[in-house]
Structures are given as structure tokens and as C-alpha cells.
N, C-alpha and C. Protein backbone atom coordinates (compact mmCIF):
# COMPACT_ATOMS: atom_id res chain seq x y z
N TYR A 1 20.35 -13.20 -8.02
CA TYR A 1 20.27 -14.32 -7.09
C TYR A 1 19.95 -13.86 -5.67
N ARG A 2 19.96 -12.55 -5.45
CA ARG A 2 19.60 -12.03 -4.13
C ARG A 2 18.16 -12.37 -3.76
N PHE A 3 17.32 -12.52 -4.79
CA PHE A 3 15.92 -12.85 -4.55
C PHE A 3 15.79 -14.13 -3.73
N TYR A 4 16.59 -15.14 -4.06
CA TYR A 4 16.50 -16.41 -3.33
C TYR A 4 16.75 -16.20 -1.85
N PHE A 5 17.81 -15.49 -1.52
CA PHE A 5 18.12 -15.26 -0.11
C PHE A 5 17.00 -14.47 0.55
N ARG A 6 16.58 -13.38 -0.11
CA ARG A 6 15.54 -12.53 0.48
C ARG A 6 14.26 -13.30 0.73
N THR A 7 13.79 -14.01 -0.27
CA THR A 7 12.49 -14.66 -0.13
C THR A 7 12.54 -15.82 0.86
N ILE A 8 13.59 -16.62 0.82
CA ILE A 8 13.66 -17.76 1.73
C ILE A 8 13.87 -17.29 3.17
N PHE A 9 14.85 -16.45 3.38
CA PHE A 9 15.19 -16.00 4.74
C PHE A 9 14.06 -15.17 5.35
N PHE A 10 13.59 -14.16 4.61
CA PHE A 10 12.59 -13.27 5.19
C PHE A 10 11.21 -13.92 5.28
N SER A 11 10.89 -14.86 4.40
CA SER A 11 9.63 -15.60 4.54
C SER A 11 9.65 -16.44 5.81
N TYR A 12 10.80 -17.06 6.08
CA TYR A 12 10.96 -17.86 7.29
C TYR A 12 10.81 -16.97 8.53
N LEU A 13 11.48 -15.82 8.53
CA LEU A 13 11.34 -14.89 9.66
C LEU A 13 9.91 -14.40 9.81
N SER A 14 9.26 -14.13 8.69
CA SER A 14 7.88 -13.67 8.73
C SER A 14 6.96 -14.74 9.32
N ALA A 15 7.19 -16.00 8.96
CA ALA A 15 6.39 -17.09 9.51
C ALA A 15 6.54 -17.16 11.03
N TRP A 16 7.78 -16.99 11.52
CA TRP A 16 8.00 -16.97 12.97
C TRP A 16 7.28 -15.78 13.61
N HIS A 17 7.36 -14.63 12.98
CA HIS A 17 6.71 -13.43 13.53
C HIS A 17 5.20 -13.65 13.64
N ILE A 18 4.59 -14.17 12.58
CA ILE A 18 3.14 -14.41 12.58
C ILE A 18 2.77 -15.44 13.65
N ALA A 19 3.53 -16.54 13.71
CA ALA A 19 3.25 -17.59 14.70
C ALA A 19 3.44 -17.07 16.12
N ASN A 20 4.46 -16.25 16.34
CA ASN A 20 4.67 -15.66 17.67
C ASN A 20 3.50 -14.78 18.09
N GLU A 21 3.01 -13.97 17.14
CA GLU A 21 1.86 -13.09 17.44
C GLU A 21 0.62 -13.91 17.77
N GLU A 22 0.38 -14.96 16.98
CA GLU A 22 -0.78 -15.83 17.23
C GLU A 22 -0.67 -16.50 18.60
N SER A 23 0.52 -16.99 18.91
CA SER A 23 0.75 -17.64 20.20
C SER A 23 0.57 -16.65 21.34
N ARG A 24 1.05 -15.42 21.15
CA ARG A 24 0.92 -14.38 22.17
C ARG A 24 -0.56 -14.07 22.44
N LYS A 25 -1.37 -14.06 21.38
CA LYS A 25 -2.81 -13.81 21.55
C LYS A 25 -3.48 -14.93 22.35
N LYS A 26 -3.04 -16.17 22.11
CA LYS A 26 -3.66 -17.33 22.77
C LYS A 26 -3.17 -17.52 24.19
N THR A 27 -1.87 -17.36 24.42
CA THR A 27 -1.28 -17.74 25.70
C THR A 27 -0.62 -16.60 26.46
N GLY A 28 -0.43 -15.48 25.81
CA GLY A 28 0.30 -14.39 26.43
C GLY A 28 1.80 -14.49 26.25
N LYS A 29 2.27 -15.59 25.67
CA LYS A 29 3.70 -15.80 25.44
C LYS A 29 3.93 -16.13 23.96
N ALA A 30 5.02 -15.62 23.42
CA ALA A 30 5.36 -15.93 22.03
C ALA A 30 5.79 -17.38 21.88
N LEU A 31 6.64 -17.82 22.78
CA LEU A 31 7.16 -19.18 22.70
C LEU A 31 6.41 -20.08 23.67
N SER A 32 5.51 -20.86 23.09
CA SER A 32 4.73 -21.83 23.86
C SER A 32 4.41 -22.98 22.92
N PHE A 33 3.84 -24.03 23.47
CA PHE A 33 3.48 -25.16 22.61
C PHE A 33 2.25 -24.86 21.77
N GLN A 34 1.69 -23.67 21.91
CA GLN A 34 0.62 -23.21 21.01
C GLN A 34 1.20 -22.59 19.74
N ASN A 35 2.50 -22.36 19.73
CA ASN A 35 3.17 -21.74 18.59
C ASN A 35 3.38 -22.79 17.50
N GLU A 36 2.69 -22.60 16.37
CA GLU A 36 2.76 -23.59 15.28
C GLU A 36 4.17 -23.77 14.73
N MET A 37 4.94 -22.71 14.68
CA MET A 37 6.30 -22.83 14.13
C MET A 37 7.17 -23.75 14.97
N ILE A 38 6.97 -23.78 16.27
CA ILE A 38 7.72 -24.72 17.11
C ILE A 38 7.36 -26.14 16.71
N TRP A 39 6.08 -26.40 16.53
CA TRP A 39 5.65 -27.74 16.11
C TRP A 39 6.18 -28.09 14.73
N PHE A 40 6.11 -27.16 13.80
CA PHE A 40 6.61 -27.42 12.45
C PHE A 40 8.10 -27.77 12.47
N GLN A 41 8.87 -27.05 13.28
CA GLN A 41 10.31 -27.33 13.36
C GLN A 41 10.56 -28.69 13.99
N LEU A 42 9.82 -29.03 15.05
CA LEU A 42 10.00 -30.33 15.69
C LEU A 42 9.63 -31.48 14.75
N ILE A 43 8.54 -31.31 14.01
CA ILE A 43 8.12 -32.35 13.06
C ILE A 43 9.17 -32.51 11.97
N GLN A 44 9.67 -31.40 11.43
CA GLN A 44 10.70 -31.49 10.39
C GLN A 44 11.97 -32.15 10.91
N LEU A 45 12.41 -31.75 12.09
CA LEU A 45 13.61 -32.37 12.67
C LEU A 45 13.40 -33.86 12.91
N GLY A 46 12.22 -34.21 13.40
CA GLY A 46 11.91 -35.62 13.61
C GLY A 46 11.92 -36.40 12.31
N PHE A 47 11.33 -35.83 11.27
CA PHE A 47 11.27 -36.50 9.97
C PHE A 47 12.67 -36.70 9.39
N VAL A 48 13.47 -35.65 9.42
CA VAL A 48 14.84 -35.73 8.90
C VAL A 48 15.66 -36.71 9.74
N GLY A 49 15.43 -36.71 11.05
CA GLY A 49 16.11 -37.67 11.92
C GLY A 49 15.74 -39.10 11.59
N LEU A 50 14.45 -39.35 11.32
CA LEU A 50 14.02 -40.69 10.92
C LEU A 50 14.69 -41.13 9.63
N ILE A 51 14.80 -40.23 8.69
CA ILE A 51 15.48 -40.57 7.43
C ILE A 51 16.92 -40.96 7.71
N TYR A 52 17.59 -40.17 8.51
CA TYR A 52 19.01 -40.44 8.81
C TYR A 52 19.17 -41.79 9.52
N PHE A 53 18.39 -42.01 10.57
CA PHE A 53 18.58 -43.23 11.37
C PHE A 53 18.05 -44.49 10.69
N ASN A 54 17.06 -44.35 9.81
CA ASN A 54 16.53 -45.53 9.11
C ASN A 54 17.24 -45.84 7.80
N PHE A 55 17.75 -44.80 7.13
CA PHE A 55 18.31 -45.02 5.79
C PHE A 55 19.76 -44.60 5.65
N GLY A 56 20.32 -43.93 6.64
CA GLY A 56 21.73 -43.58 6.60
C GLY A 56 22.00 -42.19 6.05
N SER A 57 23.29 -41.87 6.06
CA SER A 57 23.70 -40.51 5.69
C SER A 57 23.49 -40.22 4.20
N THR A 58 23.63 -41.23 3.34
CA THR A 58 23.42 -40.99 1.90
C THR A 58 21.99 -40.54 1.64
N ALA A 59 21.02 -41.25 2.22
CA ALA A 59 19.61 -40.88 2.05
C ALA A 59 19.33 -39.52 2.70
N PHE A 60 19.96 -39.28 3.83
CA PHE A 60 19.80 -38.01 4.54
C PHE A 60 20.22 -36.84 3.65
N PHE A 61 21.42 -36.94 3.07
CA PHE A 61 21.91 -35.85 2.23
C PHE A 61 21.15 -35.77 0.90
N ALA A 62 20.71 -36.92 0.39
CA ALA A 62 19.89 -36.91 -0.82
C ALA A 62 18.56 -36.19 -0.56
N PHE A 63 17.96 -36.47 0.59
CA PHE A 63 16.71 -35.80 0.95
C PHE A 63 16.91 -34.30 1.09
N LEU A 64 17.97 -33.89 1.81
CA LEU A 64 18.23 -32.46 1.97
C LEU A 64 18.48 -31.79 0.62
N GLY A 65 19.21 -32.47 -0.27
CA GLY A 65 19.45 -31.93 -1.61
C GLY A 65 18.17 -31.79 -2.40
N ALA A 66 17.31 -32.82 -2.32
CA ALA A 66 16.02 -32.76 -3.03
C ALA A 66 15.14 -31.65 -2.46
N ALA A 67 15.14 -31.51 -1.14
CA ALA A 67 14.34 -30.45 -0.50
C ALA A 67 14.83 -29.07 -0.92
N PHE A 68 16.14 -28.89 -0.92
CA PHE A 68 16.73 -27.61 -1.32
C PHE A 68 16.41 -27.30 -2.78
N THR A 69 16.52 -28.32 -3.64
CA THR A 69 16.19 -28.15 -5.06
C THR A 69 14.72 -27.77 -5.22
N GLY A 70 13.85 -28.42 -4.47
CA GLY A 70 12.42 -28.10 -4.53
C GLY A 70 12.14 -26.67 -4.12
N ILE A 71 12.81 -26.22 -3.07
CA ILE A 71 12.63 -24.83 -2.62
C ILE A 71 13.10 -23.86 -3.70
N LEU A 72 14.25 -24.14 -4.30
CA LEU A 72 14.76 -23.25 -5.36
C LEU A 72 13.83 -23.23 -6.57
N LEU A 73 13.27 -24.39 -6.95
CA LEU A 73 12.32 -24.42 -8.07
C LEU A 73 11.07 -23.63 -7.74
N LEU A 74 10.54 -23.82 -6.55
CA LEU A 74 9.35 -23.09 -6.13
C LEU A 74 9.59 -21.58 -6.15
N GLU A 75 10.72 -21.16 -5.63
CA GLU A 75 11.01 -19.72 -5.58
C GLU A 75 11.34 -19.15 -6.96
N THR A 76 11.91 -19.97 -7.84
CA THR A 76 12.14 -19.52 -9.22
C THR A 76 10.80 -19.27 -9.90
N VAL A 77 9.85 -20.18 -9.72
CA VAL A 77 8.52 -20.00 -10.29
C VAL A 77 7.86 -18.75 -9.68
N ASN A 78 7.99 -18.57 -8.39
CA ASN A 78 7.46 -17.38 -7.72
C ASN A 78 8.05 -16.11 -8.34
N TYR A 79 9.34 -16.12 -8.60
CA TYR A 79 10.03 -14.97 -9.19
C TYR A 79 9.49 -14.66 -10.59
N ILE A 80 9.41 -15.67 -11.44
CA ILE A 80 8.99 -15.40 -12.82
C ILE A 80 7.51 -15.03 -12.90
N GLU A 81 6.71 -15.50 -11.96
CA GLU A 81 5.28 -15.19 -11.99
C GLU A 81 4.95 -13.77 -11.53
N HIS A 82 5.84 -13.17 -10.76
CA HIS A 82 5.52 -11.87 -10.17
C HIS A 82 6.53 -10.78 -10.48
N TYR A 83 7.55 -11.06 -11.26
CA TYR A 83 8.64 -10.11 -11.48
C TYR A 83 8.13 -8.73 -11.92
N GLY A 84 8.50 -7.72 -11.16
CA GLY A 84 8.28 -6.33 -11.55
C GLY A 84 6.86 -5.82 -11.45
N LEU A 85 5.92 -6.64 -11.05
CA LEU A 85 4.52 -6.24 -10.97
C LEU A 85 4.18 -5.90 -9.52
N GLN A 86 3.46 -4.81 -9.33
CA GLN A 86 3.18 -4.35 -7.97
C GLN A 86 1.72 -3.98 -7.81
N ARG A 87 1.22 -4.22 -6.60
CA ARG A 87 -0.11 -3.73 -6.23
C ARG A 87 0.09 -2.45 -5.43
N GLN A 88 -0.82 -1.54 -5.57
CA GLN A 88 -0.72 -0.25 -4.87
C GLN A 88 -1.19 -0.39 -3.42
N GLN A 89 -0.50 0.31 -2.54
CA GLN A 89 -0.90 0.33 -1.14
C GLN A 89 -1.99 1.38 -0.97
N LEU A 90 -3.07 0.99 -0.30
CA LEU A 90 -4.21 1.88 -0.10
C LEU A 90 -3.97 2.77 1.12
N GLU A 91 -4.83 3.76 1.29
CA GLU A 91 -4.68 4.71 2.41
C GLU A 91 -4.74 4.02 3.77
N ASN A 92 -5.49 2.91 3.87
CA ASN A 92 -5.62 2.21 5.15
C ASN A 92 -4.43 1.29 5.43
N GLY A 93 -3.44 1.28 4.53
CA GLY A 93 -2.24 0.47 4.73
C GLY A 93 -2.29 -0.89 4.07
N LYS A 94 -3.49 -1.32 3.68
CA LYS A 94 -3.61 -2.60 2.98
C LYS A 94 -3.30 -2.41 1.51
N TYR A 95 -3.13 -3.53 0.81
CA TYR A 95 -2.85 -3.45 -0.62
C TYR A 95 -4.12 -3.71 -1.41
N GLU A 96 -4.17 -3.13 -2.60
CA GLU A 96 -5.33 -3.32 -3.46
C GLU A 96 -5.52 -4.81 -3.74
N ARG A 97 -6.74 -5.18 -4.09
CA ARG A 97 -7.09 -6.56 -4.39
C ARG A 97 -6.23 -7.05 -5.56
N ALA A 98 -5.80 -8.31 -5.47
CA ALA A 98 -5.02 -8.89 -6.57
C ALA A 98 -5.91 -9.03 -7.80
N MET A 99 -5.42 -8.53 -8.90
CA MET A 99 -6.14 -8.57 -10.16
C MET A 99 -5.29 -9.32 -11.18
N PRO A 100 -5.86 -9.70 -12.32
CA PRO A 100 -5.09 -10.45 -13.32
C PRO A 100 -3.81 -9.76 -13.76
N GLU A 101 -3.78 -8.44 -13.75
CA GLU A 101 -2.57 -7.73 -14.21
C GLU A 101 -1.44 -7.73 -13.17
N HIS A 102 -1.65 -8.38 -12.04
CA HIS A 102 -0.62 -8.42 -11.00
C HIS A 102 0.25 -9.67 -11.03
N SER A 103 0.10 -10.51 -12.02
CA SER A 103 1.01 -11.66 -12.17
C SER A 103 1.07 -12.06 -13.65
N TRP A 104 2.19 -12.64 -14.01
CA TRP A 104 2.45 -13.03 -15.40
C TRP A 104 1.76 -14.34 -15.73
N ASN A 105 1.24 -14.41 -16.94
CA ASN A 105 0.67 -15.65 -17.48
C ASN A 105 1.57 -16.18 -18.59
N SER A 106 1.40 -17.44 -18.88
CA SER A 106 2.11 -18.07 -20.00
C SER A 106 1.13 -19.02 -20.66
N ASP A 107 0.38 -18.51 -21.61
CA ASP A 107 -0.71 -19.28 -22.19
C ASP A 107 -0.23 -20.19 -23.32
N HIS A 108 0.70 -21.08 -22.99
CA HIS A 108 1.21 -22.06 -23.94
C HIS A 108 0.58 -23.41 -23.63
N VAL A 109 0.02 -24.07 -24.65
CA VAL A 109 -0.77 -25.29 -24.44
C VAL A 109 0.01 -26.36 -23.69
N MET A 110 1.25 -26.63 -24.09
CA MET A 110 2.01 -27.70 -23.44
C MET A 110 2.25 -27.40 -21.96
N GLY A 111 2.59 -26.17 -21.67
CA GLY A 111 2.78 -25.78 -20.27
C GLY A 111 1.50 -25.88 -19.48
N ARG A 112 0.40 -25.49 -20.09
CA ARG A 112 -0.90 -25.57 -19.41
C ARG A 112 -1.22 -27.01 -19.05
N LEU A 113 -0.97 -27.92 -19.99
CA LEU A 113 -1.28 -29.33 -19.74
C LEU A 113 -0.34 -29.94 -18.70
N MET A 114 0.94 -29.70 -18.84
CA MET A 114 1.93 -30.34 -17.97
C MET A 114 1.95 -29.74 -16.56
N LEU A 115 1.57 -28.48 -16.42
CA LEU A 115 1.67 -27.80 -15.13
C LEU A 115 0.30 -27.56 -14.49
N PHE A 116 -0.72 -28.30 -14.95
CA PHE A 116 -2.05 -28.21 -14.36
C PHE A 116 -2.54 -26.77 -14.26
N GLU A 117 -2.43 -26.06 -15.36
CA GLU A 117 -2.91 -24.68 -15.50
C GLU A 117 -2.17 -23.67 -14.61
N LEU A 118 -1.02 -24.05 -14.10
CA LEU A 118 -0.19 -23.10 -13.33
C LEU A 118 0.09 -21.86 -14.16
N SER A 119 0.17 -22.04 -15.47
CA SER A 119 0.52 -20.93 -16.35
C SER A 119 -0.59 -19.87 -16.43
N ARG A 120 -1.76 -20.20 -15.93
CA ARG A 120 -2.84 -19.21 -15.84
C ARG A 120 -2.91 -18.66 -14.42
N HIS A 121 -1.76 -18.26 -13.97
CA HIS A 121 -1.54 -17.83 -12.60
C HIS A 121 -2.37 -16.59 -12.23
N SER A 122 -2.58 -15.70 -13.17
CA SER A 122 -3.33 -14.47 -12.90
C SER A 122 -4.75 -14.77 -12.43
N ASP A 123 -5.38 -15.75 -13.04
CA ASP A 123 -6.75 -16.08 -12.66
C ASP A 123 -6.79 -16.68 -11.26
N HIS A 124 -5.76 -17.41 -10.89
CA HIS A 124 -5.67 -17.95 -9.53
C HIS A 124 -5.62 -16.81 -8.51
N HIS A 125 -4.86 -15.76 -8.79
CA HIS A 125 -4.80 -14.61 -7.88
C HIS A 125 -6.12 -13.85 -7.87
N TYR A 126 -6.72 -13.73 -9.03
CA TYR A 126 -7.97 -12.98 -9.16
C TYR A 126 -9.10 -13.66 -8.39
N LEU A 127 -9.18 -14.99 -8.50
CA LEU A 127 -10.22 -15.75 -7.81
C LEU A 127 -9.59 -17.04 -7.28
N ALA A 128 -9.03 -16.96 -6.10
CA ALA A 128 -8.26 -18.07 -5.53
C ALA A 128 -9.11 -19.32 -5.33
N SER A 129 -10.42 -19.17 -5.20
CA SER A 129 -11.29 -20.33 -4.98
C SER A 129 -11.57 -21.12 -6.27
N ARG A 130 -11.24 -20.56 -7.42
CA ARG A 130 -11.51 -21.25 -8.69
C ARG A 130 -10.59 -22.46 -8.81
N LYS A 131 -11.16 -23.59 -9.15
CA LYS A 131 -10.40 -24.83 -9.28
C LYS A 131 -9.44 -24.72 -10.46
N TYR A 132 -8.28 -25.38 -10.34
CA TYR A 132 -7.23 -25.24 -11.35
C TYR A 132 -7.69 -25.69 -12.74
N GLN A 133 -8.62 -26.64 -12.80
CA GLN A 133 -9.05 -27.16 -14.10
C GLN A 133 -9.80 -26.12 -14.93
N VAL A 134 -10.35 -25.12 -14.27
CA VAL A 134 -11.15 -24.13 -14.99
C VAL A 134 -10.57 -22.72 -14.91
N LEU A 135 -9.29 -22.60 -14.58
CA LEU A 135 -8.66 -21.28 -14.59
C LEU A 135 -8.74 -20.69 -16.00
N ARG A 136 -8.97 -19.40 -16.08
CA ARG A 136 -9.19 -18.75 -17.37
C ARG A 136 -8.01 -17.87 -17.77
N HIS A 137 -7.96 -17.61 -19.05
CA HIS A 137 -6.98 -16.68 -19.61
C HIS A 137 -7.57 -15.27 -19.50
N HIS A 138 -6.75 -14.31 -19.10
CA HIS A 138 -7.18 -12.91 -19.03
C HIS A 138 -6.33 -12.10 -19.99
N GLU A 139 -6.98 -11.41 -20.90
CA GLU A 139 -6.26 -10.59 -21.88
C GLU A 139 -5.43 -9.50 -21.22
N GLN A 140 -5.94 -8.93 -20.11
CA GLN A 140 -5.22 -7.83 -19.46
C GLN A 140 -4.02 -8.31 -18.63
N ALA A 141 -3.88 -9.61 -18.45
CA ALA A 141 -2.74 -10.14 -17.69
C ALA A 141 -1.48 -10.07 -18.56
N PRO A 142 -0.36 -9.64 -17.99
CA PRO A 142 0.88 -9.63 -18.77
C PRO A 142 1.29 -11.05 -19.15
N GLN A 143 1.83 -11.19 -20.36
CA GLN A 143 2.18 -12.52 -20.87
C GLN A 143 3.69 -12.71 -20.91
N MET A 144 4.13 -13.87 -20.43
CA MET A 144 5.55 -14.23 -20.51
C MET A 144 5.90 -14.47 -21.98
N PRO A 145 7.12 -14.16 -22.38
CA PRO A 145 7.50 -14.37 -23.77
C PRO A 145 7.65 -15.84 -24.15
N THR A 146 7.77 -16.72 -23.17
CA THR A 146 7.92 -18.15 -23.44
C THR A 146 7.26 -18.93 -22.30
N GLY A 147 7.30 -20.24 -22.38
CA GLY A 147 6.71 -21.07 -21.34
C GLY A 147 7.55 -21.08 -20.07
N TYR A 148 7.04 -21.76 -19.06
CA TYR A 148 7.71 -21.80 -17.76
C TYR A 148 9.14 -22.34 -17.83
N PRO A 149 9.40 -23.46 -18.49
CA PRO A 149 10.80 -23.93 -18.53
C PRO A 149 11.75 -22.89 -19.12
N GLY A 150 11.34 -22.27 -20.21
CA GLY A 150 12.17 -21.24 -20.84
C GLY A 150 12.37 -20.04 -19.94
N MET A 151 11.31 -19.64 -19.25
CA MET A 151 11.40 -18.49 -18.35
C MET A 151 12.29 -18.80 -17.15
N MET A 152 12.20 -20.02 -16.65
CA MET A 152 13.05 -20.41 -15.51
C MET A 152 14.52 -20.38 -15.90
N LEU A 153 14.82 -20.90 -17.08
CA LEU A 153 16.22 -20.86 -17.54
C LEU A 153 16.67 -19.42 -17.78
N LEU A 154 15.80 -18.63 -18.39
CA LEU A 154 16.12 -17.23 -18.65
C LEU A 154 16.41 -16.48 -17.34
N SER A 155 15.66 -16.79 -16.30
CA SER A 155 15.86 -16.09 -15.02
C SER A 155 17.21 -16.39 -14.39
N LEU A 156 17.84 -17.47 -14.81
CA LEU A 156 19.15 -17.84 -14.26
C LEU A 156 20.29 -17.08 -14.92
N VAL A 157 19.96 -16.30 -15.95
CA VAL A 157 20.96 -15.45 -16.63
C VAL A 157 20.49 -14.00 -16.48
N PRO A 158 20.76 -13.39 -15.32
CA PRO A 158 20.18 -12.07 -15.01
C PRO A 158 20.33 -11.00 -16.09
N PRO A 159 21.49 -10.81 -16.74
CA PRO A 159 21.55 -9.75 -17.75
C PRO A 159 20.54 -9.96 -18.89
N LEU A 160 20.39 -11.19 -19.32
CA LEU A 160 19.44 -11.50 -20.39
C LEU A 160 18.00 -11.34 -19.87
N TRP A 161 17.75 -11.85 -18.67
CA TRP A 161 16.43 -11.73 -18.05
C TRP A 161 16.00 -10.26 -17.97
N PHE A 162 16.87 -9.42 -17.42
CA PHE A 162 16.53 -8.01 -17.25
C PHE A 162 16.32 -7.32 -18.59
N ALA A 163 17.14 -7.65 -19.58
CA ALA A 163 17.01 -7.03 -20.90
C ALA A 163 15.64 -7.34 -21.51
N ILE A 164 15.20 -8.57 -21.38
CA ILE A 164 13.92 -8.99 -21.98
C ILE A 164 12.74 -8.53 -21.13
N MET A 165 12.79 -8.83 -19.84
CA MET A 165 11.63 -8.58 -18.99
C MET A 165 11.43 -7.10 -18.66
N ASN A 166 12.50 -6.35 -18.50
CA ASN A 166 12.33 -4.92 -18.23
C ASN A 166 11.71 -4.21 -19.43
N ARG A 167 12.05 -4.66 -20.64
CA ARG A 167 11.42 -4.12 -21.84
C ARG A 167 9.92 -4.44 -21.82
N ARG A 168 9.58 -5.65 -21.42
CA ARG A 168 8.16 -6.04 -21.32
C ARG A 168 7.43 -5.18 -20.29
N LEU A 169 8.08 -4.96 -19.16
CA LEU A 169 7.47 -4.13 -18.12
C LEU A 169 7.21 -2.72 -18.61
N GLN A 170 8.18 -2.15 -19.34
CA GLN A 170 8.01 -0.79 -19.86
C GLN A 170 6.85 -0.73 -20.85
N SER A 171 6.67 -1.78 -21.63
CA SER A 171 5.58 -1.77 -22.60
C SER A 171 4.21 -1.90 -21.92
N LEU A 172 4.19 -2.39 -20.68
CA LEU A 172 2.92 -2.49 -19.94
C LEU A 172 2.48 -1.14 -19.40
N ASN A 173 3.44 -0.28 -19.11
CA ASN A 173 3.11 1.00 -18.46
C ASN A 173 2.79 2.08 -19.45
């Protein structure tokens, strides 16, 4: 469960760092109204405030709960799609191009239909401009042992997840 904290907290800090650098390039100051993160925070606070003042505390807490649930679902999918797979860092400090073998696929028909080809995640990384309707299956991409719902549930039981997925990782190498 440490992944949730790491990805949410450090992604948020990273977004601030990037926005501060961009703002510094434009204005010479990190904190200015050119900083997108300041605007994003103000818009979010305004939106949540509108919910509270127009619909009350029940709707406010329901919205926050739904938002938190959405974030956890998104990060769970992020976890299962990339678990244990790494790109090599090049001599210039950048990472190698994303290839199909850098993310897990789940080529199950029902998941493909219900998740708009999300299960062909490797092809999305390989060619991000390809439309979701025509994402392809890649034989060299590692395959999840089950569909997304099963993998998401499996990831919530770490000892079982590690037993199954670490064995899969070893068989890839």
C-alpha cells in the first residue's frame, strides 16, 4: 500500500516542481499567476466550495469520497499496468523509448470491450498517438494472468500479488 502514498504524494510534488520551473522561465518567479498549479488549486477549491454551498455537506463529502475512490482506482490500474517493469536509463540521463515490453497487457475480450482497449496498454505506450479503437496486441508484451478486475483485486492482497507477479517477472528475464 506504500505505492499509493508514493505515487499520489510525489506526483503532486512533481507537478508543483514542474509548474514552478515553467513559471520561473516565464516570469522569473516560481509563484506567480503564470503558475498553472496555482490556477488548478484555485479552480478545484472553487469547485468544491460550489458543491458545498449549493448542495450541502452531504454532497460535499460524497464528492470528496468519489474523488478519492477515483484516484485510488486510477493508481491501482497504474500499479498493475507497470508493476516490476523498468526502462533502462541511457548515458545522456534520459530513459529508453517505451516499448511494448514495458507495460503489462491483458488480452481478454470482455476487458477489451468494457475498458475501451485499456487492456492493450503496451501499444498505447509504444505509439501514444494511436487511437484506442485500433490498439494492437503485442506478443512481446508481458501478459497479466487475468483481466483488470481480477488483477485489481489481486493487488489488494500483497502476499498473493507478489507470489504470482514476481514469478511472472522472473519468467520474463
